[in-house]
Amino acid sequence: MIEIVVSLSILALAGTIIVPGAVEMVERFDSQAKFRMLVDEIEGSRERAVTLGQLVVLADGTAAGGLRRLPEGWQVNFPTPLIFSPAAVCTGQGAVIVSPSGQRQYYALDTATCRLVRS
């Protein structure tokens, strides 16, 4: 009986140590997935411009910056508007993505590939 009580105590202690770390790890992975989803959404603007045959402009002040899928509480700021043309040409500086917790990731626009590069 004492062995069972000791074993359960050890399991309970291990659980109190492991569970908070696991929860934090899951939250970190979820946050990184949302950063990546927003980068993919911004980079997808090039394909939208080509497909629609018109300019796609992402800028502060437009509805959610012109993005279709912006998770609640997240922000995307553009130092200068990102402009994607039907000729697959893009201009602009990049984007700053801010999570609800205030974590910021800065991305520069590589105009040769129309891709965002983390800076």
N, C-alpha and C. Protein backbone atom coordinates (compact mmCIF):
# COMPACT_ATOMS: atom_id res chain seq x y z
N MET A 1 0.82 -1.19 0.00
CA MET A 1 0.00 0.00 0.00
C MET A 1 0.87 1.27 0.00
N ILE A 2 1.93 1.25 0.76
CA ILE A 2 2.82 2.40 0.82
C ILE A 2 3.47 2.63 -0.55
N GLU A 3 3.81 1.55 -1.24
CA GLU A 3 4.42 1.68 -2.56
C GLU A 3 3.47 2.37 -3.54
N ILE A 4 2.20 2.06 -3.46
CA ILE A 4 1.21 2.68 -4.34
C ILE A 4 1.10 4.18 -4.04
N VAL A 5 1.06 4.54 -2.77
CA VAL A 5 0.96 5.94 -2.38
C VAL A 5 2.21 6.70 -2.84
N VAL A 6 3.37 6.12 -2.68
CA VAL A 6 4.62 6.76 -3.12
C VAL A 6 4.61 6.91 -4.64
N SER A 7 4.19 5.87 -5.34
CA SER A 7 4.13 5.92 -6.81
C SER A 7 3.18 7.01 -7.28
N LEU A 8 2.00 7.09 -6.67
CA LEU A 8 1.03 8.13 -7.05
C LEU A 8 1.57 9.52 -6.73
N SER A 9 2.29 9.67 -5.63
CA SER A 9 2.88 10.97 -5.28
C SER A 9 3.91 11.38 -6.32
N ILE A 10 4.72 10.43 -6.74
CA ILE A 10 5.73 10.73 -7.76
C ILE A 10 5.06 11.11 -9.08
N LEU A 11 4.02 10.40 -9.47
CA LEU A 11 3.28 10.73 -10.69
C LEU A 11 2.65 12.11 -10.60
N ALA A 12 2.08 12.43 -9.45
CA ALA A 12 1.46 13.75 -9.26
C ALA A 12 2.50 14.85 -9.35
N LEU A 13 3.65 14.64 -8.74
CA LEU A 13 4.73 15.62 -8.79
C LEU A 13 5.23 15.80 -10.23
N ALA A 14 5.40 14.70 -10.93
CA ALA A 14 5.86 14.77 -12.33
C ALA A 14 4.82 15.51 -13.18
N GLY A 15 3.54 15.26 -12.91
CA GLY A 15 2.48 15.93 -13.66
C GLY A 15 2.48 17.43 -13.45
N THR A 16 2.73 17.87 -12.24
CA THR A 16 2.74 19.31 -11.98
C THR A 16 3.95 19.99 -12.62
N ILE A 17 4.98 19.23 -12.88
CA ILE A 17 6.16 19.80 -13.54
C ILE A 17 6.00 19.77 -15.05
N ILE A 18 5.47 18.71 -15.59
CA ILE A 18 5.40 18.51 -17.04
C ILE A 18 4.25 19.27 -17.70
N VAL A 19 3.08 19.28 -17.10
CA VAL A 19 1.89 19.85 -17.74
C VAL A 19 2.05 21.33 -18.10
N PRO A 20 2.53 22.20 -17.18
CA PRO A 20 2.68 23.61 -17.59
C PRO A 20 3.64 23.80 -18.77
N GLY A 21 4.71 23.04 -18.79
CA GLY A 21 5.65 23.13 -19.91
C GLY A 21 5.03 22.68 -21.21
N ALA A 22 4.21 21.62 -21.13
CA ALA A 22 3.55 21.11 -22.33
C ALA A 22 2.53 22.12 -22.85
N VAL A 23 1.80 22.76 -21.95
CA VAL A 23 0.81 23.77 -22.35
C VAL A 23 1.51 24.95 -23.00
N GLU A 24 2.62 25.39 -22.43
CA GLU A 24 3.37 26.51 -23.00
C GLU A 24 3.91 26.15 -24.38
N MET A 25 4.37 24.90 -24.54
CA MET A 25 4.89 24.46 -25.83
C MET A 25 3.78 24.45 -26.89
N VAL A 26 2.60 23.98 -26.54
CA VAL A 26 1.47 23.95 -27.48
C VAL A 26 1.09 25.38 -27.87
N GLU A 27 1.05 26.29 -26.92
CA GLU A 27 0.73 27.69 -27.22
C GLU A 27 1.78 28.31 -28.13
N ARG A 28 3.05 27.98 -27.91
CA ARG A 28 4.13 28.51 -28.76
C ARG A 28 3.99 27.98 -30.19
N PHE A 29 3.71 26.68 -30.34
CA PHE A 29 3.51 26.10 -31.67
C PHE A 29 2.31 26.71 -32.37
N ASP A 30 1.22 26.95 -31.63
CA ASP A 30 0.03 27.56 -32.21
C ASP A 30 0.34 28.98 -32.68
N SER A 31 1.08 29.73 -31.87
CA SER A 31 1.45 31.09 -32.25
C SER A 31 2.32 31.09 -33.51
N GLN A 32 3.30 30.21 -33.58
CA GLN A 32 4.16 30.14 -34.76
C GLN A 32 3.37 29.74 -36.00
N ALA A 33 2.40 28.84 -35.83
CA ALA A 33 1.55 28.44 -36.96
C ALA A 33 0.74 29.62 -37.48
N LYS A 34 0.25 30.47 -36.58
CA LYS A 34 -0.52 31.63 -37.01
C LYS A 34 0.37 32.67 -37.68
N PHE A 35 1.60 32.86 -37.18
CA PHE A 35 2.54 33.75 -37.87
C PHE A 35 2.76 33.24 -39.29
N ARG A 36 2.99 31.94 -39.45
CA ARG A 36 3.26 31.35 -40.77
C ARG A 36 2.03 31.48 -41.67
N MET A 37 0.82 31.29 -41.10
CA MET A 37 -0.40 31.41 -41.89
C MET A 37 -0.56 32.83 -42.43
N LEU A 38 -0.24 33.83 -41.61
CA LEU A 38 -0.36 35.21 -42.06
C LEU A 38 0.69 35.55 -43.11
N VAL A 39 1.90 35.03 -42.96
CA VAL A 39 2.92 35.23 -43.99
C VAL A 39 2.46 34.60 -45.31
N ASP A 40 1.92 33.39 -45.23
CA ASP A 40 1.41 32.72 -46.44
C ASP A 40 0.28 33.53 -47.08
N GLU A 41 -0.58 34.10 -46.25
CA GLU A 41 -1.69 34.92 -46.75
C GLU A 41 -1.16 36.15 -47.48
N ILE A 42 -0.16 36.80 -46.91
CA ILE A 42 0.42 37.99 -47.56
C ILE A 42 1.08 37.59 -48.87
N GLU A 43 1.88 36.52 -48.82
CA GLU A 43 2.57 36.07 -50.04
C GLU A 43 1.58 35.60 -51.11
N GLY A 44 0.41 35.13 -50.70
CA GLY A 44 -0.61 34.70 -51.65
C GLY A 44 -1.24 35.85 -52.42
N SER A 45 -0.98 37.07 -51.98
CA SER A 45 -1.51 38.23 -52.68
C SER A 45 -0.95 38.34 -54.09
N ARG A 46 0.26 37.85 -54.30
CA ARG A 46 0.84 37.85 -55.65
C ARG A 46 0.00 36.99 -56.59
N GLU A 47 -0.36 35.79 -56.13
CA GLU A 47 -1.18 34.90 -56.96
C GLU A 47 -2.57 35.49 -57.20
N ARG A 48 -3.12 36.15 -56.16
CA ARG A 48 -4.44 36.79 -56.34
C ARG A 48 -4.37 37.89 -57.39
N ALA A 49 -3.30 38.67 -57.38
CA ALA A 49 -3.15 39.75 -58.36
C ALA A 49 -3.08 39.18 -59.77
N VAL A 50 -2.32 38.11 -59.94
CA VAL A 50 -2.18 37.49 -61.27
C VAL A 50 -3.51 36.87 -61.69
N THR A 51 -4.15 36.15 -60.79
CA THR A 51 -5.42 35.48 -61.11
C THR A 51 -6.53 36.47 -61.43
N LEU A 52 -6.64 37.53 -60.61
CA LEU A 52 -7.70 38.52 -60.81
C LEU A 52 -7.37 39.51 -61.92
N GLY A 53 -6.09 39.62 -62.27
CA GLY A 53 -5.69 40.57 -63.30
C GLY A 53 -5.77 42.01 -62.84
N GLN A 54 -5.58 42.23 -61.54
CA GLN A 54 -5.63 43.59 -61.01
C GLN A 54 -4.67 43.74 -59.85
N LEU A 55 -4.36 44.98 -59.51
CA LEU A 55 -3.47 45.24 -58.38
C LEU A 55 -4.11 44.76 -57.08
N VAL A 56 -3.29 44.21 -56.21
CA VAL A 56 -3.70 43.90 -54.85
C VAL A 56 -2.82 44.74 -53.94
N VAL A 57 -3.46 45.58 -53.13
CA VAL A 57 -2.73 46.50 -52.25
C VAL A 57 -3.03 46.12 -50.81
N LEU A 58 -1.97 45.89 -50.04
CA LEU A 58 -2.10 45.63 -48.61
C LEU A 58 -1.53 46.83 -47.88
N ALA A 59 -2.36 47.48 -47.07
CA ALA A 59 -1.91 48.68 -46.37
C ALA A 59 -2.67 48.82 -45.06
N ASP A 60 -2.06 49.55 -44.13
CA ASP A 60 -2.76 49.88 -42.89
C ASP A 60 -3.99 50.70 -43.24
N GLY A 61 -5.04 50.53 -42.48
CA GLY A 61 -6.24 51.33 -42.70
C GLY A 61 -7.24 50.68 -43.63
N THR A 62 -6.84 49.69 -44.41
CA THR A 62 -7.82 48.96 -45.21
C THR A 62 -8.42 47.89 -44.32
N ALA A 63 -9.48 47.28 -44.74
CA ALA A 63 -10.14 46.26 -43.92
C ALA A 63 -9.15 45.16 -43.57
N ALA A 64 -8.71 45.13 -42.31
CA ALA A 64 -7.74 44.15 -41.80
C ALA A 64 -6.49 44.14 -42.67
N GLY A 65 -6.12 45.29 -43.22
CA GLY A 65 -4.92 45.37 -44.04
C GLY A 65 -5.10 44.72 -45.40
N GLY A 66 -6.33 44.37 -45.76
CA GLY A 66 -6.57 43.70 -47.04
C GLY A 66 -6.44 42.20 -46.95
N LEU A 67 -6.22 41.67 -45.76
CA LEU A 67 -6.07 40.23 -45.60
C LEU A 67 -7.43 39.59 -45.34
N ARG A 68 -7.61 38.40 -45.90
CA ARG A 68 -8.89 37.71 -45.76
C ARG A 68 -8.99 36.94 -44.46
N ARG A 69 -7.88 36.35 -44.00
CA ARG A 69 -7.91 35.51 -42.80
C ARG A 69 -7.01 36.11 -41.72
N LEU A 70 -7.55 36.95 -40.88
CA LEU A 70 -6.78 37.55 -39.80
C LEU A 70 -7.37 37.04 -38.49
N PRO A 71 -6.62 36.21 -37.75
CA PRO A 71 -7.16 35.68 -36.48
C PRO A 71 -7.50 36.81 -35.52
N GLU A 72 -8.47 36.56 -34.68
CA GLU A 72 -8.91 37.57 -33.72
C GLU A 72 -7.77 37.96 -32.79
N GLY A 73 -7.58 39.26 -32.63
CA GLY A 73 -6.55 39.78 -31.75
C GLY A 73 -5.20 39.98 -32.41
N TRP A 74 -5.03 39.50 -33.62
CA TRP A 74 -3.76 39.64 -34.33
C TRP A 74 -3.79 40.92 -35.15
N GLN A 75 -2.61 41.50 -35.39
CA GLN A 75 -2.49 42.71 -36.20
C GLN A 75 -1.38 42.53 -37.22
N VAL A 76 -1.58 43.12 -38.38
CA VAL A 76 -0.53 43.17 -39.39
C VAL A 76 -0.38 44.63 -39.78
N ASN A 77 0.83 45.15 -39.63
CA ASN A 77 1.11 46.54 -39.97
C ASN A 77 2.09 46.58 -41.13
N PHE A 78 1.86 47.52 -42.03
CA PHE A 78 2.71 47.68 -43.22
C PHE A 78 3.36 49.05 -43.16
N PRO A 79 4.72 49.13 -43.05
CA PRO A 79 5.38 50.44 -43.03
C PRO A 79 5.05 51.25 -44.28
N THR A 80 5.00 50.58 -45.42
CA THR A 80 4.53 51.17 -46.67
C THR A 80 3.59 50.14 -47.29
N PRO A 81 2.65 50.57 -48.11
CA PRO A 81 1.75 49.59 -48.72
C PRO A 81 2.53 48.56 -49.54
N LEU A 82 2.08 47.30 -49.44
CA LEU A 82 2.62 46.26 -50.32
C LEU A 82 1.72 46.20 -51.54
N ILE A 83 2.30 46.31 -52.71
CA ILE A 83 1.53 46.33 -53.95
C ILE A 83 1.97 45.16 -54.82
N PHE A 84 1.01 44.33 -55.18
CA PHE A 84 1.25 43.17 -56.04
C PHE A 84 0.52 43.42 -57.35
N SER A 85 1.25 43.32 -58.47
CA SER A 85 0.65 43.61 -59.77
C SER A 85 0.33 42.31 -60.52
N PRO A 86 -0.56 42.40 -61.52
CA PRO A 86 -0.88 41.22 -62.33
C PRO A 86 0.32 40.69 -63.10
N ALA A 87 1.36 41.52 -63.26
CA ALA A 87 2.57 41.09 -63.97
C ALA A 87 3.54 40.39 -63.01
N ALA A 88 3.06 40.03 -61.80
CA ALA A 88 3.85 39.33 -60.78
C ALA A 88 5.03 40.18 -60.29
N VAL A 89 4.80 41.48 -60.22
CA VAL A 89 5.80 42.41 -59.69
C VAL A 89 5.26 42.95 -58.38
N CYS A 90 6.15 43.11 -57.40
CA CYS A 90 5.69 43.61 -56.10
C CYS A 90 6.61 44.73 -55.61
N THR A 91 6.02 45.63 -54.82
CA THR A 91 6.78 46.72 -54.22
C THR A 91 6.33 46.89 -52.78
N GLY A 92 7.19 47.48 -51.98
CA GLY A 92 6.88 47.74 -50.58
C GLY A 92 8.06 47.35 -49.71
N GLN A 93 7.95 47.65 -48.43
CA GLN A 93 9.04 47.35 -47.51
C GLN A 93 8.88 46.00 -46.84
N GLY A 94 7.67 45.68 -46.39
CA GLY A 94 7.46 44.44 -45.67
C GLY A 94 6.28 44.56 -44.74
N ALA A 95 6.32 43.77 -43.66
CA ALA A 95 5.19 43.74 -42.73
C ALA A 95 5.69 43.46 -41.31
N VAL A 96 4.90 43.92 -40.35
CA VAL A 96 5.13 43.62 -38.94
C VAL A 96 3.87 42.89 -38.47
N ILE A 97 4.05 41.67 -37.99
CA ILE A 97 2.91 40.88 -37.50
C ILE A 97 2.98 40.87 -35.98
N VAL A 98 1.85 41.21 -35.33
CA VAL A 98 1.80 41.31 -33.88
C VAL A 98 0.75 40.34 -33.35
N SER A 99 1.17 39.47 -32.43
CA SER A 99 0.26 38.50 -31.83
C SER A 99 -0.55 39.16 -30.72
N PRO A 100 -1.62 38.52 -30.26
CA PRO A 100 -2.42 39.10 -29.16
C PRO A 100 -1.59 39.32 -27.88
N SER A 101 -0.52 38.53 -27.70
CA SER A 101 0.32 38.69 -26.51
C SER A 101 1.35 39.80 -26.68
N GLY A 102 1.41 40.42 -27.88
CA GLY A 102 2.34 41.50 -28.12
C GLY A 102 3.64 41.09 -28.78
N GLN A 103 3.80 39.79 -29.06
CA GLN A 103 5.01 39.34 -29.75
C GLN A 103 5.00 39.87 -31.18
N ARG A 104 6.12 40.44 -31.60
CA ARG A 104 6.23 41.03 -32.93
C ARG A 104 7.24 40.25 -33.76
N GLN A 105 6.89 40.06 -35.03
CA GLN A 105 7.84 39.50 -35.97
C GLN A 105 7.90 40.44 -37.17
N TYR A 106 9.12 40.78 -37.57
CA TYR A 106 9.35 41.72 -38.66
C TYR A 106 9.75 40.93 -39.91
N TYR A 107 9.16 41.31 -41.03
CA TYR A 107 9.45 40.65 -42.30
C TYR A 107 9.73 41.71 -43.35
N ALA A 108 10.79 41.50 -44.13
CA ALA A 108 11.12 42.38 -45.25
C ALA A 108 10.60 41.71 -46.53
N LEU A 109 10.19 42.52 -47.48
CA LEU A 109 9.71 42.00 -48.76
C LEU A 109 10.88 41.87 -49.72
N ASP A 110 11.10 40.65 -50.20
CA ASP A 110 12.10 40.40 -51.25
C ASP A 110 11.38 40.63 -52.57
N THR A 111 11.66 41.77 -53.20
CA THR A 111 10.92 42.14 -54.41
C THR A 111 11.26 41.27 -55.61
N ALA A 112 12.37 40.54 -55.57
CA ALA A 112 12.72 39.65 -56.68
C ALA A 112 11.80 38.43 -56.72
N THR A 113 11.39 37.96 -55.52
CA THR A 113 10.55 36.76 -55.44
C THR A 113 9.17 37.02 -54.90
N CYS A 114 8.92 38.25 -54.45
CA CYS A 114 7.65 38.62 -53.79
C CYS A 114 7.38 37.75 -52.56
N ARG A 115 8.43 37.42 -51.84
CA ARG A 115 8.32 36.62 -50.63
C ARG A 115 8.75 37.48 -49.43
N LEU A 116 8.19 37.14 -48.26
CA LEU A 116 8.58 37.81 -47.03
C LEU A 116 9.74 37.06 -46.38
N VAL A 117 10.74 37.81 -45.96
CA VAL A 117 11.92 37.24 -45.32
C VAL A 117 11.98 37.79 -43.91
N ARG A 118 12.05 36.90 -42.94
CA ARG A 118 12.07 37.35 -41.53
C ARG A 118 13.35 38.11 -41.27
N SER A 119 13.19 39.29 -40.66
CA SER A 119 14.37 40.11 -40.38
C SER A 119 14.47 40.42 -38.91
